[in-house]
PDB file of N, CA and C in Angstrom:
ATOM      1  N   MET A   1     101.474  85.846 109.613  1.00  0.00           N
ATOM      2  CA  MET A   1     100.888  87.037 110.204  1.00  0.00           C
ATOM      3  C   MET A   1      99.502  87.231 109.568  1.00  0.00           C
ATOM      4  N   ASN A   2      98.486  87.444 110.408  1.00  0.00           N
ATOM      5  CA  ASN A   2      97.139  87.629 109.869  1.00  0.00           C
ATOM      6  C   ASN A   2      96.864  89.117 109.581  1.00  0.00           C
ATOM      7  N   LYS A   3      95.698  89.395 109.016  1.00  0.00           N
ATOM      8  CA  LYS A   3      95.368  90.760 108.594  1.00  0.00           C
ATOM      9  C   LYS A   3      95.298  91.731 109.769  1.00  0.00           C
ATOM     10  N   LYS A   4      94.796  91.281 110.897  1.00  0.00           N
ATOM     11  CA  LYS A   4      94.732  92.163 112.069  1.00  0.00           C
ATOM     12  C   LYS A   4      96.138  92.523 112.546  1.00  0.00           C
ATOM     13  N   GLN A   5      97.034  91.563 112.514  1.00  0.00           N
ATOM     14  CA  GLN A   5      98.406  91.827 112.952  1.00  0.00           C
ATOM     15  C   GLN A   5      99.122  92.770 111.986  1.00  0.00           C
ATOM     16  N   ILE A   6      98.908  92.567 110.701  1.00  0.00           N
ATOM     17  CA  ILE A   6      99.522  93.453 109.705  1.00  0.00           C
ATOM     18  C   ILE A   6      99.002  94.874 109.878  1.00  0.00           C
ATOM     19  N   PHE A   7      97.684  94.995 110.043  1.00  0.00           N
ATOM     20  CA  PHE A   7      97.106  96.320 110.249  1.00  0.00           C
ATOM     21  C   PHE A   7      97.649  96.934 111.536  1.00  0.00           C
ATOM     22  N   GLY A   8      97.721  96.142 112.599  1.00  0.00           N
ATOM     23  CA  GLY A   8      98.216  96.629 113.879  1.00  0.00           C
ATOM     24  C   GLY A   8      99.633  97.165 113.795  1.00  0.00           C
ATOM     25  N   LYS A   9     100.489  96.479 113.035  1.00  0.00           N
ATOM     26  CA  LYS A   9     101.866  96.949 112.860  1.00  0.00           C
ATOM     27  C   LYS A   9     101.889  98.291 112.143  1.00  0.00           C
ATOM     28  N   ARG A  10     101.052  98.435 111.113  1.00  0.00           N
ATOM     29  CA  ARG A  10     100.991  99.700 110.368  1.00  0.00           C
ATOM     30  C   ARG A  10     100.456 100.819 111.246  1.00  0.00           C
ATOM     31  N   PHE A  11      99.421 100.508 112.025  1.00  0.00           N
ATOM     32  CA  PHE A  11      98.824 101.478 112.937  1.00  0.00           C
ATOM     33  C   PHE A  11      99.873 101.979 113.933  1.00  0.00           C
ATOM     34  N   LYS A  12     100.618 101.045 114.492  1.00  0.00           N
ATOM     35  CA  LYS A  12     101.665 101.398 115.463  1.00  0.00           C
ATOM     36  C   LYS A  12     102.755 102.235 114.800  1.00  0.00           C
ATOM     37  N   GLU A  13     103.110 101.863 113.587  1.00  0.00           N
ATOM     38  CA  GLU A  13     104.131 102.611 112.849  1.00  0.00           C
ATOM     39  C   GLU A  13     103.699 104.065 112.654  1.00  0.00           C
ATOM     40  N   ILE A  14     102.454 104.264 112.282  1.00  0.00           N
ATOM     41  CA  ILE A  14     101.941 105.626 112.096  1.00  0.00           C
ATOM     42  C   ILE A  14     101.962 106.372 113.423  1.00  0.00           C
ATOM     43  N   ARG A  15     101.495 105.723 114.480  1.00  0.00           N
ATOM     44  CA  ARG A  15     101.484 106.372 115.803  1.00  0.00           C
ATOM     45  C   ARG A  15     102.892 106.802 116.192  1.00  0.00           C
ATOM     46  N   LYS A  16     103.856 105.919 116.032  1.00  0.00           N
ATOM     47  CA  LYS A  16     105.232 106.226 116.427  1.00  0.00           C
ATOM     48  C   LYS A  16     105.843 107.312 115.534  1.00  0.00           C
ATOM     49  N   ASN A  17     105.482 107.308 114.248  1.00  0.00           N
ATOM     50  CA  ASN A  17     105.981 108.354 113.351  1.00  0.00           C
ATOM     51  C   ASN A  17     105.540 109.742 113.812  1.00  0.00           C
ATOM     52  N   PHE A  18     104.397 109.817 114.453  1.00  0.00           N
ATOM     53  CA  PHE A  18     103.912 111.095 114.983  1.00  0.00           C
ATOM     54  C   PHE A  18     104.440 111.352 116.389  1.00  0.00           C
ATOM     55  N   GLY A  19     105.121 110.380 116.973  1.00  0.00           N
ATOM     56  CA  GLY A  19     105.680 110.537 118.310  1.00  0.00           C
ATOM     57  C   GLY A  19     104.639 110.455 119.414  1.00  0.00           C
ATOM     58  N   TYR A  20     103.525 109.789 119.125  1.00  0.00           N
ATOM     59  CA  TYR A  20     102.444 109.703 120.105  1.00  0.00           C
ATOM     60  C   TYR A  20     102.513 108.412 120.909  1.00  0.00           C
ATOM     61  N   THR A  21     102.090 108.520 122.152  1.00  0.00           N
ATOM     62  CA  THR A  21     101.928 107.341 122.991  1.00  0.00           C
ATOM     63  C   THR A  21     100.584 106.699 122.665  1.00  0.00           C
ATOM     64  N   GLN A  22     100.396 105.502 123.169  1.00  0.00           N
ATOM     65  CA  GLN A  22      99.082 104.862 123.011  1.00  0.00           C
ATOM     66  C   GLN A  22      98.007 105.696 123.699  1.00  0.00           C
ATOM     67  N   ASP A  23      98.343 106.286 124.830  1.00  0.00           N
ATOM     68  CA  ASP A  23      97.378 107.131 125.542  1.00  0.00           C
ATOM     69  C   ASP A  23      96.954 108.330 124.695  1.00  0.00           C
ATOM     70  N   LYS A  24      97.911 108.970 124.033  1.00  0.00           N
ATOM     71  CA  LYS A  24      97.599 110.123 123.191  1.00  0.00           C
ATOM     72  C   LYS A  24      96.739 109.707 122.001  1.00  0.00           C
ATOM     73  N   MET A  25      97.065 108.578 121.405  1.00  0.00           N
ATOM     74  CA  MET A  25      96.279 108.099 120.269  1.00  0.00           C
ATOM     75  C   MET A  25      94.852 107.768 120.720  1.00  0.00           C
ATOM     76  N   ALA A  26      94.723 107.204 121.901  1.00  0.00           N
ATOM     77  CA  ALA A  26      93.399 106.893 122.437  1.00  0.00           C
ATOM     78  C   ALA A  26      92.611 108.181 122.683  1.00  0.00           C
ATOM     79  N   GLU A  27      93.292 109.193 123.193  1.00  0.00           N
ATOM     80  CA  GLU A  27      92.659 110.493 123.427  1.00  0.00           C
ATOM     81  C   GLU A  27      92.145 111.086 122.112  1.00  0.00           C
ATOM     82  N   ILE A  28      92.955 110.999 121.078  1.00  0.00           N
ATOM     83  CA  ILE A  28      92.570 111.514 119.764  1.00  0.00           C
ATOM     84  C   ILE A  28      91.313 110.816 119.251  1.00  0.00           C
ATOM     85  N   ALA A  29      91.248 109.496 119.450  1.00  0.00           N
ATOM     86  CA  ALA A  29      90.119 108.709 118.947  1.00  0.00           C
ATOM     87  C   ALA A  29      88.920 108.730 119.879  1.00  0.00           C
ATOM     88  N   GLY A  30      89.154 109.129 121.127  1.00  0.00           N
ATOM     89  CA  GLY A  30      88.074 109.101 122.102  1.00  0.00           C
ATOM     90  C   GLY A  30      87.748 107.696 122.572  1.00  0.00           C
ATOM     91  N   ILE A  31      88.813 106.877 122.671  1.00  0.00           N
ATOM     92  CA  ILE A  31      88.626 105.497 123.133  1.00  0.00           C
ATOM     93  C   ILE A  31      89.610 105.213 124.262  1.00  0.00           C
ATOM     94  N   GLU A  32      89.500 104.035 124.840  1.00  0.00           N
ATOM     95  CA  GLU A  32      90.382 103.637 125.938  1.00  0.00           C
ATOM     96  C   GLU A  32      91.768 103.247 125.404  1.00  0.00           C
ATOM     97  N   PRO A  33      92.820 103.547 126.158  1.00  0.00           N
ATOM     98  CA  PRO A  33      94.171 103.164 125.736  1.00  0.00           C
ATOM     99  C   PRO A  33      94.318 101.653 125.500  1.00  0.00           C
ATOM    100  N   GLN A  34      93.570 100.862 126.239  1.00  0.00           N
ATOM    101  CA  GLN A  34      93.635  99.408 126.046  1.00  0.00           C
ATOM    102  C   GLN A  34      93.178  99.024 124.645  1.00  0.00           C
ATOM    103  N   SER A  35      92.268  99.818 124.087  1.00  0.00           N
ATOM    104  CA  SER A  35      91.796  99.551 122.727  1.00  0.00           C
ATOM    105  C   SER A  35      92.920  99.743 121.713  1.00  0.00           C
ATOM    106  N   ILE A  36      93.730 100.762 121.930  1.00  0.00           N
ATOM    107  CA  ILE A  36      94.872 101.002 121.049  1.00  0.00           C
ATOM    108  C   ILE A  36      95.840  99.827 121.142  1.00  0.00           C
ATOM    109  N   SER A  37      96.083  99.367 122.346  1.00  0.00           N
ATOM    110  CA  SER A  37      96.969  98.221 122.548  1.00  0.00           C
ATOM    111  C   SER A  37      96.449  96.989 121.816  1.00  0.00           C
ATOM    112  N   LYS A  38      95.165  96.756 121.882  1.00  0.00           N
ATOM    113  CA  LYS A  38      94.570  95.591 121.209  1.00  0.00           C
ATOM    114  C   LYS A  38      94.651  95.717 119.694  1.00  0.00           C
ATOM    115  N   ILE A  39      94.519  96.941 119.190  1.00  0.00           N
ATOM    116  CA  ILE A  39      94.651  97.163 117.743  1.00  0.00           C
ATOM    117  C   ILE A  39      96.086  96.862 117.312  1.00  0.00           C
ATOM    118  N   GLU A  40      97.043  97.435 118.045  1.00  0.00           N
ATOM    119  CA  GLU A  40      98.448  97.289 117.674  1.00  0.00           C
ATOM    120  C   GLU A  40      98.953  95.853 117.825  1.00  0.00           C
ATOM    121  N   SER A  41      98.375  95.109 118.735  1.00  0.00           N
ATOM    122  CA  SER A  41      98.802  93.718 118.921  1.00  0.00           C
ATOM    123  C   SER A  41      98.093  92.763 117.973  1.00  0.00           C
ATOM    124  N   GLY A  42      97.178  93.288 117.173  1.00  0.00           N
ATOM    125  CA  GLY A  42      96.486  92.456 116.203  1.00  0.00           C
ATOM    126  C   GLY A  42      95.317  91.679 116.761  1.00  0.00           C
ATOM    127  N   LYS A  43      94.825  92.100 117.910  1.00  0.00           N
ATOM    128  CA  LYS A  43      93.673  91.417 118.506  1.00  0.00           C
ATOM    129  C   LYS A  43      92.353  91.973 118.002  1.00  0.00           C
ATOM    130  N   ASN A  44      92.323  93.264 117.680  1.00  0.00           N
ATOM    131  CA  ASN A  44      91.095  93.918 117.228  1.00  0.00           C
ATOM    132  C   ASN A  44      91.385  94.854 116.069  1.00  0.00           C
ATOM    133  N   PHE A  45      90.354  95.063 115.251  1.00  0.00           N
ATOM    134  CA  PHE A  45      90.367  96.144 114.278  1.00  0.00           C
ATOM    135  C   PHE A  45      89.683  97.337 114.931  1.00  0.00           C
ATOM    136  N   PRO A  46      90.076  98.560 114.584  1.00  0.00           N
ATOM    137  CA  PRO A  46      89.359  99.717 115.126  1.00  0.00           C
ATOM    138  C   PRO A  46      88.030  99.900 114.396  1.00  0.00           C
ATOM    139  N   LEU A  47      87.115 100.567 115.052  1.00  0.00           N
ATOM    140  CA  LEU A  47      85.883 100.952 114.371  1.00  0.00           C
ATOM    141  C   LEU A  47      86.254 101.970 113.300  1.00  0.00           C
ATOM    142  N   LEU A  48      85.562 101.937 112.187  1.00  0.00           N
ATOM    143  CA  LEU A  48      85.837 102.862 111.099  1.00  0.00           C
ATOM    144  C   LEU A  48      85.681 104.311 111.560  1.00  0.00           C
ATOM    145  N   SER A  49      84.684 104.569 112.389  1.00  0.00           N
ATOM    146  CA  SER A  49      84.477 105.943 112.875  1.00  0.00           C
ATOM    147  C   SER A  49      85.670 106.420 113.708  1.00  0.00           C
ATOM    148  N   ASN A  50      86.268 105.527 114.495  1.00  0.00           N
ATOM    149  CA  ASN A  50      87.446 105.885 115.287  1.00  0.00           C
ATOM    150  C   ASN A  50      88.659 106.096 114.388  1.00  0.00           C
ATOM    151  N   LEU A  51      88.784 105.252 113.394  1.00  0.00           N
ATOM    152  CA  LEU A  51      89.899 105.382 112.467  1.00  0.00           C
ATOM    153  C   LEU A  51      89.801 106.685 111.685  1.00  0.00           C
ATOM    154  N   GLU A  52      88.596 107.063 111.295  1.00  0.00           N
ATOM    155  CA  GLU A  52      88.394 108.338 110.601  1.00  0.00           C
ATOM    156  C   GLU A  52      88.767 109.514 111.492  1.00  0.00           C
ATOM    157  N   LYS A  53      88.395 109.448 112.770  1.00  0.00           N
ATOM    158  CA  LYS A  53      88.751 110.515 113.722  1.00  0.00           C
ATOM    159  C   LYS A  53      90.261 110.653 113.832  1.00  0.00           C
ATOM    160  N   ILE A  54      90.929 109.523 113.949  1.00  0.00           N
ATOM    161  CA  ILE A  54      92.385 109.544 114.089  1.00  0.00           C
ATOM    162  C   ILE A  54      93.020 110.132 112.839  1.00  0.00           C
ATOM    163  N   ALA A  55      92.597 109.658 111.676  1.00  0.00           N
ATOM    164  CA  ALA A  55      93.158 110.161 110.418  1.00  0.00           C
ATOM    165  C   ALA A  55      92.935 111.662 110.294  1.00  0.00           C
ATOM    166  N   ASP A  56      91.728 112.121 110.596  1.00  0.00           N
ATOM    167  CA  ASP A  56      91.434 113.558 110.519  1.00  0.00           C
ATOM    168  C   ASP A  56      92.319 114.359 111.460  1.00  0.00           C
ATOM    169  N   ASN A  57      92.461 113.884 112.685  1.00  0.00           N
ATOM    170  CA  ASN A  57      93.268 114.603 113.674  1.00  0.00           C
ATOM    171  C   ASN A  57      94.760 114.579 113.357  1.00  0.00           C
ATOM    172  N   LEU A  58      95.217 113.533 112.671  1.00  0.00           N
ATOM    173  CA  LEU A  58      96.628 113.460 112.301  1.00  0.00           C
ATOM    174  C   LEU A  58      96.907 114.165 110.981  1.00  0.00           C
ATOM    175  N   GLY A  59      95.849 114.504 110.266  1.00  0.00           N
ATOM    176  CA  GLY A  59      96.019 115.150 108.976  1.00  0.00           C
ATOM    177  C   GLY A  59      96.479 114.195 107.892  1.00  0.00           C
ATOM    178  N   ILE A  60      96.076 112.933 108.014  1.00  0.00           N
ATOM    179  CA  ILE A  60      96.436 111.933 107.004  1.00  0.00           C
ATOM    180  C   ILE A  60      95.164 111.371 106.390  1.00  0.00           C
ATOM    181  N   GLU A  61      95.335 110.650 105.326  1.00  0.00           N
ATOM    182  CA  GLU A  61      94.195 110.017 104.669  1.00  0.00           C
ATOM    183  C   GLU A  61      93.911 108.674 105.329  1.00  0.00           C
ATOM    184  N   LEU A  62      92.673 108.281 105.317  1.00  0.00           N
ATOM    185  CA  LEU A  62      92.276 106.983 105.862  1.00  0.00           C
ATOM    186  C   LEU A  62      93.056 105.860 105.173  1.00  0.00           C
ATOM    187  N   GLU A  63      93.296 106.027 103.896  1.00  0.00           N
ATOM    188  CA  GLU A  63      94.007 105.016 103.119  1.00  0.00           C
ATOM    189  C   GLU A  63      95.428 104.791 103.622  1.00  0.00           C
ATOM    190  N   ASP A  64      96.011 105.788 104.287  1.00  0.00           N
ATOM    191  CA  ASP A  64      97.379 105.649 104.786  1.00  0.00           C
ATOM    192  C   ASP A  64      97.525 104.482 105.763  1.00  0.00           C
ATOM    193  N   PHE A  65      96.450 104.141 106.443  1.00  0.00           N
ATOM    194  CA  PHE A  65      96.499 103.014 107.377  1.00  0.00           C
ATOM    195  C   PHE A  65      96.606 101.676 106.645  1.00  0.00           C
ATOM    196  N   PHE A  66      96.295 101.682 105.362  1.00  0.00           N
ATOM    197  CA  PHE A  66      96.298 100.448 104.585  1.00  0.00           C
ATOM    198  C   PHE A  66      97.376 100.454 103.510  1.00  0.00           C
ATOM    199  N   ASP A  67      98.274 101.417 103.572  1.00  0.00           N
ATOM    200  CA  ASP A  67      99.325 101.552 102.573  1.00  0.00           C
ATOM    201  C   ASP A  67     100.595 100.897 103.084  1.00  0.00           C
ATOM    202  N   TYR A  68     100.936  99.778 102.466  1.00  0.00           N
ATOM    203  CA  TYR A  68     102.139  99.059 102.861  1.00  0.00           C
ATOM    204  C   TYR A  68     103.224  99.179 101.790  1.00  0.00           C
ATOM    205  N   ASN A  69     102.996 100.021 100.781  1.00  0.00           N
ATOM    206  CA  ASN A  69     103.947 100.174  99.686  1.00  0.00           C
ATOM    207  C   ASN A  69     105.202 100.934 100.089  1.00  0.00           C
ATOM    208  N   HIS A  70     105.175 101.581 101.243  1.00  0.00           N
ATOM    209  CA  HIS A  70     106.338 102.343 101.692  1.00  0.00           C
ATOM    210  C   HIS A  70     107.461 101.429 102.164  1.00  0.00           C
ATOM    211  N   LYS A  71     107.147 100.170 102.377  1.00  0.00           N
ATOM    212  CA  LYS A  71     108.168  99.242 102.842  1.00  0.00           C
ATOM    213  C   LYS A  71     109.212  99.056 101.748  1.00  0.00           C
ATOM    214  N   THR A  72     110.462  99.142 102.139  1.00  0.00           N
ATOM    215  CA  THR A  72     111.562  99.065 101.198  1.00  0.00           C
ATOM    216  C   THR A  72     112.160  97.663 101.228  1.00  0.00           C
ATOM    217  N   SER A  73     112.533  97.175 100.077  1.00  0.00           N
ATOM    218  CA  SER A  73     113.180  95.865 100.008  1.00  0.00           C
ATOM    219  C   SER A  73     114.574  95.965 100.626  1.00  0.00           C
ATOM    220  N   GLU A  74     115.101  94.828 100.995  1.00  0.00           N
ATOM    221  CA  GLU A  74     116.437  94.805 101.588  1.00  0.00           C
ATOM    222  C   GLU A  74     117.481  95.306 100.588  1.00  0.00           C
ATOM    223  N   ALA A  75     117.312  94.940  99.331  1.00  0.00           N
ATOM    224  CA  ALA A  75     118.261  95.397  98.297  1.00  0.00           C
ATOM    225  C   ALA A  75     118.223  96.913  98.166  1.00  0.00           C
ATOM    226  N   GLN A  76     117.013  97.491  98.228  1.00  0.00           N
ATOM    227  CA  GLN A  76     116.897  98.945  98.117  1.00  0.00           C
ATOM    228  C   GLN A  76     117.502  99.625  99.343  1.00  0.00           C
ATOM    229  N   LEU A  77     117.299  99.046 100.517  1.00  0.00           N
ATOM    230  CA  LEU A  77     117.902  99.595 101.739  1.00  0.00           C
ATOM    231  C   LEU A  77     119.424  99.616 101.625  1.00  0.00           C
ATOM    232  N   LYS A  78     119.967  98.509 101.160  1.00  0.00           N
ATOM    233  CA  LYS A  78     121.420  98.414 101.022  1.00  0.00           C
ATOM    234  C   LYS A  78     121.938  99.461 100.041  1.00  0.00           C
ATOM    235  N   SER A  79     121.259  99.593  98.925  1.00  0.00           N
ATOM    236  CA  SER A  79     121.651 100.579  97.917  1.00  0.00           C
ATOM    237  C   SER A  79     121.596 101.998  98.481  1.00  0.00           C
ATOM    238  N   ASP A  80     120.519 102.315  99.192  1.00  0.00           N
ATOM    239  CA  ASP A  80     120.371 103.646  99.785  1.00  0.00           C
ATOM    240  C   ASP A  80     121.450 103.917 100.820  1.00  0.00           C
ATOM    241  N   LEU A  81     121.742 102.913 101.644  1.00  0.00           N
ATOM    242  CA  LEU A  81     122.784 103.080 102.665  1.00  0.00           C
ATOM    243  C   LEU A  81     124.158 103.295 102.026  1.00  0.00           C
ATOM    244  N   LEU A  82     124.442 102.568 100.974  1.00  0.00           N
ATOM    245  CA  LEU A  82     125.735 102.736 100.301  1.00  0.00           C
ATOM    246  C   LEU A  82     125.872 104.119  99.676  1.00  0.00           C
ATOM    247  N   LYS A  83     124.798 104.632  99.119  1.00  0.00           N
ATOM    248  CA  LYS A  83     124.832 105.980  98.542  1.00  0.00           C
ATOM    249  C   LYS A  83     125.112 107.020  99.621  1.00  0.00           C
ATOM    250  N   ILE A  84     124.466 106.856 100.764  1.00  0.00           N
ATOM    251  CA  ILE A  84     124.694 107.778 101.880  1.00  0.00           C
ATOM    252  C   ILE A  84     126.134 107.642 102.377  1.00  0.00           C
ATOM    253  N   PHE A  85     126.573 106.401 102.556  1.00  0.00           N
ATOM    254  CA  PHE A  85     127.921 106.139 103.044  1.00  0.00           C
ATOM    255  C   PHE A  85     128.970 106.793 102.149  1.00  0.00           C
ATOM    256  N   ASP A  86     128.791 106.681 100.846  1.00  0.00           N
ATOM    257  CA  ASP A  86     129.755 107.255  99.902  1.00  0.00           C
ATOM    258  C   ASP A  86     129.859 108.770 100.005  1.00  0.00           C
ATOM    259  N   LYS A  87     128.822 109.422 100.484  1.00  0.00           N
ATOM    260  CA  LYS A  87     128.826 110.888 100.589  1.00  0.00           C
ATOM    261  C   LYS A  87     129.429 111.386 101.900  1.00  0.00           C
ATOM    262  N   LEU A  88     129.654 110.496 102.855  1.00  0.00           N
ATOM    263  CA  LEU A  88     130.174 110.895 104.163  1.00  0.00           C
ATOM    264  C   LEU A  88     131.683 111.079 104.128  1.00  0.00           C
ATOM    265  N   ASP A  89     132.167 111.984 104.991  1.00  0.00           N
ATOM    266  CA  ASP A  89     133.619 112.098 105.131  1.00  0.00           C
ATOM    267  C   ASP A  89     134.098 110.977 106.051  1.00  0.00           C
ATOM    268  N   ILE A  90     135.389 110.797 106.160  1.00  0.00           N
ATOM    269  CA  ILE A  90     135.969 109.678 106.900  1.00  0.00           C
ATOM    270  C   ILE A  90     135.537 109.666 108.372  1.00  0.00           C
ATOM    271  N   ASN A  91     135.453 110.834 108.995  1.00  0.00           N
ATOM    272  CA  ASN A  91     135.054 110.892 110.405  1.00  0.00           C
ATOM    273  C   ASN A  91     133.614 110.409 110.593  1.00  0.00           C
ATOM    274  N   ASP A  92     132.725 110.821 109.692  1.00  0.00           N
ATOM    275  CA  ASP A  92     131.332 110.379 109.784  1.00  0.00           C
ATOM    276  C   ASP A  92     131.201 108.894 109.465  1.00  0.00           C
ATOM    277  N   LYS A  93     132.021 108.391 108.559  1.00  0.00           N
ATOM    278  CA  LYS A  93     132.007 106.961 108.253  1.00  0.00           C
ATOM    279  C   LYS A  93     132.409 106.149 109.482  1.00  0.00           C
ATOM    280  N   GLU A  94     133.411 106.641 110.207  1.00  0.00           N
ATOM    281  CA  GLU A  94     133.847 105.956 111.426  1.00  0.00           C
ATOM    282  C   GLU A  94     132.755 105.988 112.494  1.00  0.00           C
ATOM    283  N   ARG A  95     132.086 107.121 112.621  1.00  0.00           N
ATOM    284  CA  ARG A  95     130.974 107.218 113.587  1.00  0.00           C
ATOM    285  C   ARG A  95     129.839 106.273 113.200  1.00  0.00           C
ATOM    286  N   LEU A  96     129.556 106.203 111.914  1.00  0.00           N
ATOM    287  CA  LEU A  96     128.511 105.309 111.440  1.00  0.00           C
ATOM    288  C   LEU A  96     128.864 103.850 111.733  1.00  0.00           C
ATOM    289  N   LEU A  97     130.101 103.505 111.549  1.00  0.00           N
ATOM    290  CA  LEU A  97     130.557 102.146 111.856  1.00  0.00           C
ATOM    291  C   LEU A  97     130.374 101.837 113.336  1.00  0.00           C
ATOM    292  N   ARG A  98     130.740 102.772 114.211  1.00  0.00           N
ATOM    293  CA  ARG A  98     130.558 102.567 115.655  1.00  0.00           C
ATOM    294  C   ARG A  98     129.074 102.391 115.995  1.00  0.00           C
ATOM    295  N   LEU A  99     128.232 103.201 115.373  1.00  0.00           N
ATOM    296  CA  LEU A  99     126.793 103.087 115.604  1.00  0.00           C
ATOM    297  C   LEU A  99     126.279 101.721 115.149  1.00  0.00           C
ATOM    298  N   ALA A 100     126.718 101.266 113.978  1.00  0.00           N
ATOM    299  CA  ALA A 100     126.300  99.961 113.471  1.00  0.00           C
ATOM    300  C   ALA A 100     126.725  98.846 114.429  1.00  0.00           C
ATOM    301  N   LYS A 101     127.918  98.961 114.984  1.00  0.00           N
ATOM    302  CA  LYS A 101     128.383  97.946 115.940  1.00  0.00           C
ATOM    303  C   LYS A 101     127.518  97.945 117.195  1.00  0.00           C
ATOM    304  N   VAL A 102     127.079  99.106 117.630  1.00  0.00           N
ATOM    305  CA  VAL A 102     126.197  99.197 118.798  1.00  0.00           C
ATOM    306  C   VAL A 102     124.866  98.510 118.494  1.00  0.00           C
ATOM    307  N   LEU A 103     124.347  98.720 117.288  1.00  0.00           N
ATOM    308  CA  LEU A 103     123.079  98.091 116.899  1.00  0.00           C
ATOM    309  C   LEU A 103     123.184  96.570 116.877  1.00  0.00           C
ATOM    310  N   LEU A 104     124.345  96.063 116.558  1.00  0.00           N
ATOM    311  CA  LEU A 104     124.544  94.610 116.507  1.00  0.00           C
ATOM    312  C   LEU A 104     124.757  93.992 117.875  1.00  0.00           C
ATOM    313  N   ALA A 105     125.124  94.792 118.841  1.00  0.00           N
ATOM    314  CA  ALA A 105     125.437  94.266 120.183  1.00  0.00           C
ATOM    315  C   ALA A 105     124.197  93.793 120.903  1.00  0.00           C
TER     316      ALA A 105
END
């Protein structure tokens, strides 16, 4: 994966965390929706001025677009899931199991 693709994945992750469509993100930046698509697919980097507009409008720091430290290791995910699982009652554990089976299907 190249740097544009890595950045694009992070950009998309931020957009989705805010619940925005590509069209809404384009509106915020004052650019065409196709530009957002190209950023997220790793074809283009955004202009710094557009990225600053987006960060300001989302209330986040510009650096957040370059922060990949939030990614959790698989071991940490497993540990966190087990801690949550241990706190659930039997009915919720059964529901969680059904949900996990759906995800695997």
